[in-house]
Every structure is written in structure tokens, then in C-alpha cells.
Amino acid sequence: PLCSNNNPYASFGATLARDEEQNLWSTPHDVTHTEADDDRVLYNMIVVRNQLDKDSEEWQKLNYDIYTLRQTRKEVRSRWKHILEDLGFQKEADSLLSVTKLSIISDSQNMGKARDILLKLSEETNIFPTSWELSERYLFVVDRLIALDAADEFFKMASVVYPKRPSGERVDNSQKTPQC
């Protein structure tokens, strides 16, 4: 060839794009992206979308659903990180939220308590969206909080920062009766 491409970074952009496509939890090079059930659902959506024509209505709908799910996950992670930082875990927040297939439950006796706290968080706070299915990923995070003796404080803070609104309660100013 007249012109050889010996640049080792030539495919860097393509690699980043491919990693972003496979990156389901917004962590670069996350090899655990298909380990949990919710990861598999998102992965399957991506596979189906990639088999469709980009101009089709189905592709656009799936692309929107994938984007929405990723944004919801980022929002939930951000809420958890915010509370962890408020509790004084500024430097540890990212590592506390990092869960891989190598993560283990620190003490099997904590599993029941971790599940109870996670359910309580989902039922009594808005830290998770209403349509959110509980992720196994956050069970590991709660287990870590139990080991640090910070799970109860986390729940209290989540209750204050993200209080649960009754399903009938609306945040709509149009319901107020006008004053004369």
C-alpha cells in the first residue's frame, strides 16, 4: 500500500462507540453488563434494536426505550451517590456503588436485613422511580452500608431527601382553590 496506517489510535473512536453501546451501567469497559436480570433486559433490547433498520419506527421506539432506561439508571445512581456524599462518604461513594460480578455479600447473615432495607427504601421513599424493578446491584450496596453501620442512616436520609408521596397526592397548583 502507498499509505500505511500504523497509528495505534486509529480505531479509538470506534472502540469508544462500541464500548458505549455495550456499556449498560455507564461504567467504561464494564464486563458485568449481562450479569443481572435487568442488565439482560437492556442488552436484549439493544440486540433487537441493532437488527432493525435505523429509519424504522420500531428502531426509533426501541432506541427511545433504551435511552430512557439508561437515563433512569443514571438518575437512581445519582440519588444514591447524593445520599452517600451527604452521609460523609464523598471519596467512597463511587466505590460503594461499584458492583461487578466479583462482588460478594460481606456476611450471609446480612442478606435478610439488606433485602428488608432495600424493600423499605422502595416502598417508603422515592429513591427509585415507581416503575423501577429492584436491582440486585443495590442489594450489594445496602450490604456494604450494613457492614459500615450506615444502612439505617442511609434510610433516614433517603426518607428526608426523597420522601414518598401518597399515590393520590398530586403536586399540582391548579387544584388549589382560588382566593378572592
Protein backbone atom coordinates (compact mmCIF):
# COMPACT_ATOMS: atom_id res chain seq x y z
CA PRO A 1 0.00 0.00 0.00
CA LEU A 2 1.09 3.54 -0.70
CA CYS A 3 -0.10 4.79 2.64
CA SER A 4 0.07 2.59 5.71
CA ASN A 5 -1.90 3.34 8.83
CA ASN A 6 0.41 2.46 11.70
CA ASN A 7 -1.45 4.71 14.08
CA PRO A 8 -2.38 2.57 17.11
CA TYR A 9 -5.15 5.05 17.96
CA ALA A 10 -6.88 4.91 14.57
CA SER A 11 -9.77 2.79 15.79
CA PHE A 12 -10.01 4.52 19.18
CA GLY A 13 -13.24 6.35 18.33
CA ALA A 14 -14.87 3.19 17.04
CA THR A 15 -13.81 1.32 20.17
CA LEU A 16 -15.28 4.02 22.40
CA ALA A 17 -18.54 3.98 20.46
CA ARG A 18 -18.72 0.19 20.68
CA ASP A 19 -17.94 0.27 24.42
CA GLU A 20 -20.62 2.90 24.97
CA GLU A 21 -23.11 0.75 23.09
CA GLN A 22 -22.32 -2.28 25.24
CA ASN A 23 -21.98 -0.19 28.39
CA LEU A 24 -25.23 -0.71 30.21
CA TRP A 25 -24.33 0.81 33.56
CA SER A 26 -22.39 3.85 32.40
CA THR A 27 -19.11 2.40 33.59
CA PRO A 28 -16.50 2.15 30.83
CA HIS A 29 -15.38 -1.39 29.99
CA ASP A 30 -17.89 -2.94 32.41
CA VAL A 31 -17.57 -6.65 31.71
CA THR A 32 -20.50 -7.45 34.01
CA HIS A 33 -23.16 -5.81 31.87
CA THR A 34 -25.15 -9.01 31.35
CA GLU A 35 -24.82 -10.47 34.81
CA ALA A 36 -28.07 -9.23 36.39
CA ASP A 37 -31.59 -9.73 35.04
CA ASP A 38 -32.16 -6.02 34.42
CA ASP A 39 -28.87 -5.87 32.51
CA ARG A 40 -30.00 -8.76 30.31
CA VAL A 41 -33.27 -6.98 29.53
CA LEU A 42 -31.42 -3.88 28.38
CA TYR A 43 -28.86 -5.94 26.48
CA ASN A 44 -31.64 -7.81 24.66
CA MET A 45 -33.31 -4.51 23.75
CA ILE A 46 -30.01 -3.31 22.26
CA VAL A 47 -29.56 -6.55 20.27
CA VAL A 48 -33.09 -6.35 18.85
CA ARG A 49 -32.72 -2.65 18.02
CA ASN A 50 -29.43 -3.27 16.20
CA GLN A 51 -31.13 -5.82 13.95
CA LEU A 52 -33.71 -3.28 12.77
CA ASP A 53 -33.41 -0.60 10.09
CA LYS A 54 -32.46 2.73 11.63
CA ASP A 55 -35.22 4.51 9.73
CA SER A 56 -37.97 2.24 11.03
CA GLU A 57 -40.49 3.23 13.65
CA GLU A 58 -39.63 0.13 15.71
CA TRP A 59 -35.95 1.13 15.80
CA GLN A 60 -36.84 4.64 16.96
CA LYS A 61 -39.14 3.30 19.69
CA LEU A 62 -36.54 0.82 20.96
CA ASN A 63 -33.84 3.49 20.82
CA TYR A 64 -36.03 5.79 22.91
CA ASP A 65 -36.78 3.00 25.41
CA ILE A 66 -33.07 2.18 25.73
CA TYR A 67 -32.20 5.85 26.27
CA THR A 68 -34.98 6.24 28.85
CA LEU A 69 -33.88 3.16 30.77
CA ARG A 70 -30.26 4.31 30.81
CA GLN A 71 -31.27 7.78 32.00
CA THR A 72 -33.42 6.27 34.75
CA ARG A 73 -30.49 4.13 35.91
CA LYS A 74 -28.20 7.16 35.93
CA GLU A 75 -30.77 9.13 37.92
CA VAL A 76 -31.14 6.36 40.52
CA ARG A 77 -27.36 6.04 40.83
CA SER A 78 -27.10 9.81 41.21
CA ARG A 79 -29.68 9.77 44.02
CA TRP A 80 -27.75 7.07 45.88
CA LYS A 81 -24.49 8.91 45.38
CA HIS A 82 -26.02 12.15 46.63
CA ILE A 83 -27.16 10.50 49.86
CA LEU A 84 -23.84 8.72 50.36
CA GLU A 85 -22.00 12.02 49.97
CA ASP A 86 -24.36 13.71 52.42
CA LEU A 87 -23.56 10.95 54.91
CA GLY A 88 -19.85 11.75 54.62
CA PHE A 89 -18.80 9.18 52.03
CA GLN A 90 -17.59 11.74 49.47
CA LYS A 91 -14.47 9.80 48.50
CA GLU A 92 -16.02 6.34 48.88
CA ALA A 93 -19.36 6.92 47.11
CA ASP A 94 -18.25 5.65 43.71
CA SER A 95 -16.58 2.55 45.12
CA LEU A 96 -19.60 1.81 47.33
CA LEU A 97 -21.82 1.96 44.24
CA SER A 98 -19.47 -0.11 42.09
CA VAL A 99 -20.80 -3.64 41.72
CA THR A 100 -19.23 -6.26 39.45
CA LYS A 101 -19.63 -9.99 39.02
CA LEU A 102 -16.78 -10.36 41.51
CA SER A 103 -18.73 -8.54 44.24
CA ILE A 104 -19.80 -10.67 47.18
CA ILE A 105 -22.12 -10.23 50.12
CA SER A 106 -19.88 -9.45 53.09
CA ASP A 107 -21.83 -11.55 55.57
CA SER A 108 -24.55 -14.02 54.60
CA GLN A 109 -26.39 -13.15 57.81
CA ASN A 110 -26.81 -9.61 56.48
CA MET A 111 -28.66 -10.78 53.36
CA GLY A 112 -32.10 -10.76 55.01
CA LYS A 113 -31.53 -7.35 56.57
CA ALA A 114 -30.20 -5.96 53.28
CA ARG A 115 -33.30 -7.20 51.44
CA ASP A 116 -35.58 -5.71 54.09
CA ILE A 117 -33.87 -2.31 53.92
CA LEU A 118 -33.92 -2.33 50.11
CA LEU A 119 -37.65 -3.15 50.09
CA LYS A 120 -38.27 -0.48 52.71
CA LEU A 121 -36.38 2.03 50.56
CA SER A 122 -38.51 1.16 47.54
CA GLU A 123 -41.80 1.27 49.45
CA GLU A 124 -41.25 4.25 51.75
CA THR A 125 -39.09 6.59 49.64
CA ASN A 126 -38.88 7.86 46.09
CA ILE A 127 -35.22 6.93 45.68
CA PHE A 128 -36.42 4.52 42.97
CA PRO A 129 -38.97 5.50 40.30
CA THR A 130 -42.40 3.93 40.69
CA SER A 131 -41.90 1.67 37.65
CA TRP A 132 -38.47 0.50 38.84
CA GLU A 133 -37.87 -3.17 39.48
CA LEU A 134 -35.46 -3.64 42.35
CA SER A 135 -31.98 -4.29 41.11
CA GLU A 136 -29.73 -6.90 42.64
CA ARG A 137 -26.96 -4.32 42.26
CA TYR A 138 -28.38 -2.21 45.11
CA LEU A 139 -28.61 -5.25 47.38
CA PHE A 140 -24.80 -5.31 47.35
CA VAL A 141 -24.68 -1.59 48.11
CA VAL A 142 -27.04 -1.98 51.08
CA ASP A 143 -24.92 -4.90 52.31
CA ARG A 144 -21.87 -2.63 52.25
CA LEU A 145 -23.79 0.01 54.18
CA ILE A 146 -24.74 -2.57 56.81
CA ALA A 147 -21.09 -3.55 57.14
CA LEU A 148 -20.23 0.14 57.64
CA ASP A 149 -23.09 0.50 60.14
CA ALA A 150 -24.59 3.20 57.95
CA ALA A 151 -27.67 1.49 56.48
CA ASP A 152 -30.14 2.96 58.96
CA GLU A 153 -28.72 6.46 58.50
CA PHE A 154 -28.93 5.98 54.73
CA PHE A 155 -32.61 5.05 55.00
CA LYS A 156 -33.34 8.04 57.24
CA MET A 157 -31.59 10.40 54.84
CA ALA A 158 -33.38 8.88 51.83
CA SER A 159 -36.71 9.34 53.63
CA VAL A 160 -35.96 13.03 54.13
CA VAL A 161 -34.43 13.79 50.73
CA TYR A 162 -36.77 11.58 48.66
CA PRO A 163 -40.00 11.28 50.67
CA LYS A 164 -42.73 9.04 49.33
CA ARG A 165 -45.84 10.87 48.19
CA PRO A 166 -49.13 9.05 48.61
CA SER A 167 -50.38 7.81 45.25
CA GLY A 168 -53.43 10.09 45.42
CA GLU A 169 -51.43 13.19 46.31
CA ARG A 170 -50.65 15.44 43.39
CA VAL A 171 -48.16 18.21 43.13
CA ASP A 172 -50.42 20.39 41.04
CA ASN A 173 -51.09 24.03 41.85
CA SER A 174 -54.27 24.04 39.77
CA GLN A 175 -56.09 22.07 42.46
CA LYS A 176 -55.84 24.90 44.96
CA THR A 177 -58.98 26.92 45.36
CA PRO A 178 -58.52 30.49 44.22
CA GLN A 179 -58.70 33.14 46.91
CA CYS A 180 -60.73 36.26 46.30
